[in-house]
N, C-alpha and C. Protein backbone atom coordinates (compact mmCIF):
# COMPACT_ATOMS: atom_id res chain seq x y z
N MET A 1 102.09 129.91 67.34
CA MET A 1 102.14 129.16 66.11
C MET A 1 101.97 127.68 66.42
N ALA A 2 101.17 126.99 65.62
CA ALA A 2 100.90 125.57 65.83
C ALA A 2 102.13 124.73 65.48
N ASN A 3 102.30 123.66 66.23
CA ASN A 3 103.37 122.71 65.96
C ASN A 3 102.96 121.83 64.79
N VAL A 4 103.65 121.95 63.66
CA VAL A 4 103.26 121.21 62.46
C VAL A 4 103.49 119.71 62.61
N ASP A 5 104.32 119.30 63.58
CA ASP A 5 104.57 117.88 63.81
C ASP A 5 103.60 117.29 64.84
N ALA A 6 102.74 118.11 65.41
CA ALA A 6 101.82 117.63 66.43
C ALA A 6 100.82 116.64 65.83
N GLN A 7 100.43 115.69 66.63
CA GLN A 7 99.51 114.64 66.19
C GLN A 7 98.34 114.51 67.16
N LEU A 8 97.28 113.93 66.65
CA LEU A 8 96.11 113.58 67.45
C LEU A 8 95.98 112.07 67.44
N THR A 9 95.45 111.52 68.51
CA THR A 9 95.06 110.12 68.50
C THR A 9 93.60 110.08 68.08
N LEU A 10 93.31 109.36 67.00
CA LEU A 10 91.95 109.19 66.51
C LEU A 10 91.51 107.77 66.84
N GLU A 11 90.39 107.66 67.56
CA GLU A 11 89.82 106.36 67.88
C GLU A 11 88.35 106.35 67.48
N VAL A 12 87.94 105.23 66.89
CA VAL A 12 86.54 105.02 66.52
C VAL A 12 86.08 103.75 67.23
N ALA A 13 85.09 103.90 68.11
CA ALA A 13 84.55 102.76 68.84
C ALA A 13 83.13 102.48 68.36
N THR A 14 82.86 101.21 68.09
CA THR A 14 81.54 100.75 67.67
C THR A 14 81.03 99.75 68.70
N PRO A 15 79.78 99.33 68.60
CA PRO A 15 79.27 98.33 69.55
C PRO A 15 80.07 97.03 69.55
N THR A 16 80.79 96.74 68.48
CA THR A 16 81.57 95.50 68.41
C THR A 16 83.02 95.67 68.85
N GLY A 17 83.43 96.90 69.19
CA GLY A 17 84.79 97.12 69.66
C GLY A 17 85.45 98.31 69.01
N LEU A 18 86.76 98.43 69.23
CA LEU A 18 87.54 99.53 68.68
C LEU A 18 87.81 99.25 67.20
N ALA A 19 87.23 100.07 66.33
CA ALA A 19 87.34 99.86 64.89
C ALA A 19 88.58 100.53 64.31
N LEU A 20 89.06 101.58 64.97
CA LEU A 20 90.23 102.32 64.47
C LEU A 20 90.92 103.00 65.63
N SER A 21 92.24 102.92 65.65
CA SER A 21 93.06 103.66 66.60
C SER A 21 94.35 104.00 65.87
N THR A 22 94.56 105.30 65.63
CA THR A 22 95.70 105.71 64.83
C THR A 22 96.12 107.13 65.20
N SER A 23 97.30 107.51 64.77
CA SER A 23 97.82 108.85 64.97
C SER A 23 97.60 109.65 63.69
N VAL A 24 97.01 110.83 63.81
CA VAL A 24 96.65 111.64 62.65
C VAL A 24 97.05 113.10 62.88
N SER A 25 97.11 113.85 61.78
CA SER A 25 97.41 115.28 61.90
C SER A 25 96.17 116.15 61.81
N SER A 26 95.06 115.59 61.30
CA SER A 26 93.79 116.33 61.26
C SER A 26 92.64 115.37 61.07
N VAL A 27 91.45 115.83 61.46
CA VAL A 27 90.22 115.04 61.35
C VAL A 27 89.10 115.96 60.88
N GLN A 28 88.26 115.48 59.97
CA GLN A 28 87.02 116.16 59.60
C GLN A 28 85.90 115.14 59.77
N ALA A 29 84.81 115.58 60.42
CA ALA A 29 83.72 114.65 60.71
C ALA A 29 82.37 115.34 60.49
N PRO A 30 81.33 114.55 60.21
CA PRO A 30 79.99 115.11 59.99
C PRO A 30 79.20 115.17 61.30
N SER A 31 78.74 116.34 61.66
CA SER A 31 77.89 116.46 62.85
C SER A 31 76.49 116.88 62.42
N VAL A 32 75.56 116.81 63.34
CA VAL A 32 74.20 117.23 63.02
C VAL A 32 74.13 118.72 62.74
N GLU A 33 75.15 119.47 63.15
CA GLU A 33 75.20 120.91 62.91
C GLU A 33 76.03 121.26 61.68
N GLY A 34 76.63 120.26 61.04
CA GLY A 34 77.49 120.49 59.88
C GLY A 34 78.84 119.84 60.09
N GLU A 35 79.65 119.86 59.04
CA GLU A 35 80.97 119.25 59.12
C GLU A 35 81.89 120.13 59.95
N PHE A 36 82.80 119.49 60.70
CA PHE A 36 83.77 120.26 61.49
C PHE A 36 85.13 119.59 61.40
N GLY A 37 86.16 120.37 61.67
CA GLY A 37 87.52 119.88 61.63
C GLY A 37 88.20 120.01 62.97
N VAL A 38 89.17 119.13 63.22
CA VAL A 38 89.93 119.14 64.46
C VAL A 38 91.41 119.03 64.11
N LEU A 39 92.20 119.93 64.68
CA LEU A 39 93.65 119.91 64.57
C LEU A 39 94.23 119.74 65.96
N PRO A 40 95.50 119.33 66.09
CA PRO A 40 96.11 119.26 67.41
C PRO A 40 95.98 120.60 68.14
N GLY A 41 95.69 120.54 69.42
CA GLY A 41 95.51 121.74 70.22
C GLY A 41 94.08 122.25 70.26
N HIS A 42 93.16 121.54 69.63
CA HIS A 42 91.75 121.95 69.58
C HIS A 42 91.17 122.05 70.99
N LEU A 43 90.33 123.03 71.20
CA LEU A 43 89.62 123.14 72.47
C LEU A 43 88.65 121.97 72.61
N PRO A 44 88.30 121.59 73.85
CA PRO A 44 87.38 120.48 74.04
C PRO A 44 86.05 120.69 73.31
N LEU A 45 85.54 119.61 72.73
CA LEU A 45 84.33 119.65 71.92
C LEU A 45 83.57 118.35 72.11
N LEU A 46 82.27 118.45 72.23
CA LEU A 46 81.39 117.28 72.25
C LEU A 46 80.29 117.57 71.24
N ALA A 47 80.08 116.65 70.29
CA ALA A 47 79.09 116.88 69.24
C ALA A 47 78.38 115.58 68.89
N ALA A 48 77.17 115.72 68.36
CA ALA A 48 76.41 114.58 67.86
C ALA A 48 76.80 114.35 66.40
N LEU A 49 77.16 113.11 66.08
CA LEU A 49 77.51 112.75 64.70
C LEU A 49 76.27 112.39 63.92
N LYS A 50 76.31 112.64 62.63
CA LYS A 50 75.30 112.10 61.72
C LYS A 50 76.02 111.18 60.75
N ALA A 51 75.28 110.34 60.06
CA ALA A 51 75.89 109.47 59.07
C ALA A 51 76.55 110.32 58.00
N GLY A 52 77.78 109.99 57.65
CA GLY A 52 78.50 110.76 56.65
C GLY A 52 79.92 110.27 56.50
N VAL A 53 80.77 111.14 55.97
CA VAL A 53 82.16 110.77 55.67
C VAL A 53 83.10 111.34 56.72
N LEU A 54 83.90 110.47 57.30
CA LEU A 54 85.00 110.84 58.18
C LEU A 54 86.25 110.93 57.31
N SER A 55 86.98 112.03 57.45
CA SER A 55 88.21 112.24 56.70
C SER A 55 89.32 112.53 57.70
N TYR A 56 90.49 111.92 57.48
CA TYR A 56 91.60 112.17 58.38
C TYR A 56 92.92 112.02 57.62
N VAL A 57 93.95 112.70 58.13
CA VAL A 57 95.26 112.63 57.50
C VAL A 57 96.17 111.80 58.40
N GLU A 58 96.60 110.66 57.85
CA GLU A 58 97.46 109.71 58.57
C GLU A 58 98.74 109.54 57.77
N GLY A 59 99.87 109.87 58.37
CA GLY A 59 101.15 109.73 57.67
C GLY A 59 101.23 110.56 56.40
N GLY A 60 100.58 111.71 56.39
CA GLY A 60 100.59 112.59 55.22
C GLY A 60 99.59 112.21 54.15
N GLU A 61 98.85 111.13 54.33
CA GLU A 61 97.86 110.66 53.35
C GLU A 61 96.44 110.86 53.88
N ARG A 62 95.59 111.49 53.05
CA ARG A 62 94.18 111.66 53.44
C ARG A 62 93.46 110.34 53.25
N LYS A 63 92.73 109.94 54.29
CA LYS A 63 91.96 108.70 54.26
C LYS A 63 90.50 109.01 54.55
N PHE A 64 89.63 108.11 54.10
CA PHE A 64 88.19 108.31 54.24
C PHE A 64 87.53 107.06 54.79
N ALA A 65 86.43 107.28 55.50
CA ALA A 65 85.61 106.19 56.01
C ALA A 65 84.19 106.72 56.18
N ALA A 66 83.24 105.81 56.12
CA ALA A 66 81.86 106.17 56.43
C ALA A 66 81.64 105.93 57.91
N VAL A 67 80.92 106.84 58.55
CA VAL A 67 80.55 106.67 59.95
C VAL A 67 79.04 106.85 60.06
N GLY A 68 78.48 106.15 61.02
CA GLY A 68 77.05 106.27 61.26
C GLY A 68 76.79 107.30 62.34
N PRO A 69 75.56 107.42 62.76
CA PRO A 69 75.26 108.37 63.83
C PRO A 69 75.95 107.97 65.12
N GLY A 70 76.15 108.95 65.98
CA GLY A 70 76.79 108.69 67.26
C GLY A 70 77.23 110.00 67.89
N PHE A 71 78.37 109.95 68.56
CA PHE A 71 78.90 111.12 69.24
C PHE A 71 80.40 111.22 69.01
N VAL A 72 80.92 112.43 69.11
CA VAL A 72 82.36 112.64 69.01
C VAL A 72 82.80 113.53 70.16
N GLU A 73 83.93 113.16 70.74
CA GLU A 73 84.57 113.97 71.77
C GLU A 73 85.96 114.30 71.27
N ALA A 74 86.28 115.59 71.21
CA ALA A 74 87.59 116.01 70.72
C ALA A 74 88.25 116.90 71.77
N GLY A 75 89.55 116.87 71.77
CA GLY A 75 90.32 117.71 72.67
C GLY A 75 91.66 118.02 72.04
N PRO A 76 92.59 118.58 72.81
CA PRO A 76 93.87 119.01 72.26
C PRO A 76 94.72 117.89 71.67
N ARG A 77 94.57 116.65 72.20
CA ARG A 77 95.43 115.56 71.75
C ARG A 77 94.69 114.34 71.22
N SER A 78 93.35 114.38 71.24
CA SER A 78 92.63 113.17 70.82
C SER A 78 91.24 113.48 70.27
N VAL A 79 90.77 112.53 69.45
CA VAL A 79 89.40 112.56 68.93
C VAL A 79 88.84 111.15 69.10
N LEU A 80 87.70 111.05 69.75
CA LEU A 80 87.04 109.76 69.97
C LEU A 80 85.65 109.81 69.35
N LEU A 81 85.38 108.90 68.43
CA LEU A 81 84.05 108.77 67.84
C LEU A 81 83.39 107.53 68.42
N LEU A 82 82.20 107.68 68.93
CA LEU A 82 81.37 106.57 69.38
C LEU A 82 80.24 106.48 68.38
N THR A 83 80.21 105.41 67.61
CA THR A 83 79.26 105.31 66.51
C THR A 83 78.78 103.88 66.33
N ASN A 84 77.60 103.75 65.78
CA ASN A 84 77.06 102.41 65.51
C ASN A 84 77.70 101.78 64.28
N HIS A 85 78.21 102.59 63.36
CA HIS A 85 78.72 102.07 62.09
C HIS A 85 80.05 102.73 61.72
N PHE A 86 80.95 101.93 61.15
CA PHE A 86 82.22 102.43 60.65
C PHE A 86 82.64 101.56 59.47
N ALA A 87 82.94 102.17 58.33
CA ALA A 87 83.35 101.41 57.14
C ALA A 87 84.46 102.17 56.41
N PRO A 88 85.71 101.68 56.47
CA PRO A 88 86.80 102.32 55.75
C PRO A 88 86.57 102.27 54.24
N LYS A 89 87.05 103.29 53.55
CA LYS A 89 86.88 103.39 52.10
C LYS A 89 87.39 102.15 51.38
N GLU A 90 88.50 101.60 51.84
CA GLU A 90 89.13 100.47 51.15
C GLU A 90 88.22 99.25 51.02
N GLY A 91 87.28 99.09 51.91
CA GLY A 91 86.40 97.94 51.87
C GLY A 91 85.06 98.19 51.19
N LEU A 92 84.91 99.34 50.55
CA LEU A 92 83.62 99.72 49.98
C LEU A 92 83.60 99.56 48.46
N ASP A 93 82.49 99.07 47.94
CA ASP A 93 82.28 98.86 46.51
C ASP A 93 81.26 99.89 46.02
N ALA A 94 81.73 100.90 45.31
CA ALA A 94 80.85 102.00 44.89
C ALA A 94 79.68 101.51 44.04
N ASN A 95 79.91 100.58 43.13
CA ASN A 95 78.83 100.09 42.27
C ASN A 95 77.74 99.40 43.08
N ALA A 96 78.14 98.54 44.00
CA ALA A 96 77.16 97.85 44.85
C ALA A 96 76.41 98.85 45.72
N LEU A 97 77.12 99.88 46.19
CA LEU A 97 76.48 100.88 47.04
C LEU A 97 75.51 101.76 46.26
N ARG A 98 75.80 102.02 44.99
CA ARG A 98 74.84 102.76 44.16
C ARG A 98 73.53 101.98 44.05
N ASP A 99 73.65 100.67 43.83
CA ASP A 99 72.46 99.81 43.76
C ASP A 99 71.72 99.80 45.09
N GLU A 100 72.47 99.67 46.19
CA GLU A 100 71.86 99.65 47.52
C GLU A 100 71.13 100.96 47.81
N LEU A 101 71.77 102.08 47.47
CA LEU A 101 71.14 103.38 47.70
C LEU A 101 69.89 103.53 46.86
N GLN A 102 69.95 103.10 45.61
CA GLN A 102 68.78 103.19 44.73
C GLN A 102 67.62 102.38 45.31
N LYS A 103 67.90 101.20 45.80
CA LYS A 103 66.85 100.36 46.41
C LYS A 103 66.30 101.00 47.68
N ALA A 104 67.17 101.59 48.49
CA ALA A 104 66.73 102.24 49.72
C ALA A 104 65.85 103.45 49.40
N GLU A 105 66.24 104.23 48.40
CA GLU A 105 65.44 105.40 48.02
C GLU A 105 64.11 104.98 47.41
N GLU A 106 64.10 103.88 46.67
CA GLU A 106 62.84 103.37 46.11
C GLU A 106 61.92 102.89 47.23
N ALA A 107 62.48 102.25 48.24
CA ALA A 107 61.68 101.80 49.38
C ALA A 107 61.05 103.00 50.10
N ILE A 108 61.78 104.09 50.19
CA ILE A 108 61.24 105.31 50.81
C ILE A 108 60.13 105.89 49.94
N ARG A 109 60.36 105.95 48.63
CA ARG A 109 59.34 106.52 47.72
C ARG A 109 58.04 105.73 47.76
N THR A 110 58.13 104.42 47.91
CA THR A 110 56.92 103.59 47.86
C THR A 110 56.34 103.32 49.24
N PHE A 111 56.98 103.81 50.29
CA PHE A 111 56.49 103.59 51.65
C PHE A 111 55.22 104.40 51.87
N THR A 112 54.18 103.76 52.32
CA THR A 112 52.90 104.45 52.52
C THR A 112 52.59 104.69 53.99
N GLY A 113 53.48 104.26 54.87
CA GLY A 113 53.25 104.43 56.30
C GLY A 113 53.73 105.78 56.80
N ASP A 114 53.77 105.90 58.09
CA ASP A 114 54.19 107.11 58.79
C ASP A 114 55.72 107.11 58.92
N PHE A 115 56.37 108.15 58.43
CA PHE A 115 57.83 108.21 58.53
C PHE A 115 58.31 108.42 59.96
N GLU A 116 57.41 108.74 60.87
CA GLU A 116 57.78 108.84 62.28
C GLU A 116 57.68 107.49 62.98
N SER A 117 57.15 106.49 62.29
CA SER A 117 57.06 105.14 62.86
C SER A 117 58.45 104.50 62.86
N HIS A 118 58.58 103.41 63.59
CA HIS A 118 59.86 102.69 63.63
C HIS A 118 60.27 102.26 62.22
N GLU A 119 59.33 101.72 61.46
CA GLU A 119 59.63 101.25 60.11
C GLU A 119 60.07 102.41 59.20
N GLY A 120 59.38 103.53 59.30
CA GLY A 120 59.74 104.70 58.49
C GLY A 120 61.12 105.22 58.83
N LYS A 121 61.44 105.28 60.12
CA LYS A 121 62.76 105.75 60.54
C LYS A 121 63.86 104.80 60.10
N GLU A 122 63.59 103.49 60.15
CA GLU A 122 64.58 102.51 59.71
C GLU A 122 64.86 102.63 58.21
N LEU A 123 63.83 102.89 57.42
CA LEU A 123 64.03 103.10 55.98
C LEU A 123 64.93 104.31 55.73
N GLN A 124 64.68 105.39 56.47
CA GLN A 124 65.49 106.59 56.32
C GLN A 124 66.93 106.35 56.75
N LYS A 125 67.13 105.63 57.86
CA LYS A 125 68.48 105.32 58.34
C LYS A 125 69.24 104.47 57.33
N ALA A 126 68.54 103.50 56.72
CA ALA A 126 69.19 102.64 55.73
C ALA A 126 69.67 103.46 54.53
N ALA A 127 68.86 104.40 54.09
CA ALA A 127 69.25 105.26 52.97
C ALA A 127 70.42 106.17 53.36
N GLU A 128 70.38 106.72 54.57
CA GLU A 128 71.47 107.60 55.03
C GLU A 128 72.78 106.83 55.12
N TRP A 129 72.74 105.59 55.61
CA TRP A 129 73.95 104.79 55.75
C TRP A 129 74.49 104.39 54.37
N ALA A 130 73.60 104.05 53.45
CA ALA A 130 74.03 103.73 52.08
C ALA A 130 74.68 104.96 51.44
N ARG A 131 74.08 106.13 51.62
CA ARG A 131 74.63 107.38 51.07
C ARG A 131 76.00 107.68 51.68
N ALA A 132 76.13 107.52 52.99
CA ALA A 132 77.41 107.78 53.65
C ALA A 132 78.51 106.87 53.11
N ARG A 133 78.21 105.59 52.93
CA ARG A 133 79.20 104.65 52.42
C ARG A 133 79.54 104.94 50.96
N LEU A 134 78.54 105.30 50.16
CA LEU A 134 78.82 105.65 48.76
C LEU A 134 79.69 106.90 48.69
N ASP A 135 79.37 107.90 49.50
CA ASP A 135 80.17 109.13 49.52
C ASP A 135 81.62 108.84 49.93
N ALA A 136 81.80 107.96 50.93
CA ALA A 136 83.16 107.60 51.36
C ALA A 136 83.88 106.82 50.26
N ALA A 137 83.16 105.92 49.60
CA ALA A 137 83.76 105.10 48.54
C ALA A 137 84.25 105.94 47.37
N THR A 138 83.60 107.05 47.11
CA THR A 138 83.94 107.89 45.96
C THR A 138 84.71 109.16 46.35
N ALA A 139 85.04 109.30 47.64
CA ALA A 139 85.76 110.49 48.11
C ALA A 139 87.21 110.45 47.63
N HIS A 140 87.75 111.64 47.40
CA HIS A 140 89.17 111.75 47.04
C HIS A 140 89.71 113.12 47.42
């Protein structure tokens, strides 16, 4: 039987430093293979992250943040996300993000170049990051 008081250390590292370090009871994260969850005692896991919503339970309260692409390493006592982007829900403005996403999607619709080019990939990444932040801003 799992220890209901067991905790995980959740850390999120970005190129600018440690964005989050906290004790949590569970984590859900978006991977390229789909969303996955981690509880204390989890077997070792290494996965590629995609832009999306990170969800975790801290002090009995579910919290949300947007994460960009990267990697996650999980084990029995810890979860480490290495990502280019991290944005907690509290700092996100859903209305501004709706506008940003609309502009990003319009840029993709009107793009006449090759989506495999650097410019095409950057347009897609911008839309994915806007979508991830909007989803985190409106998560509950």
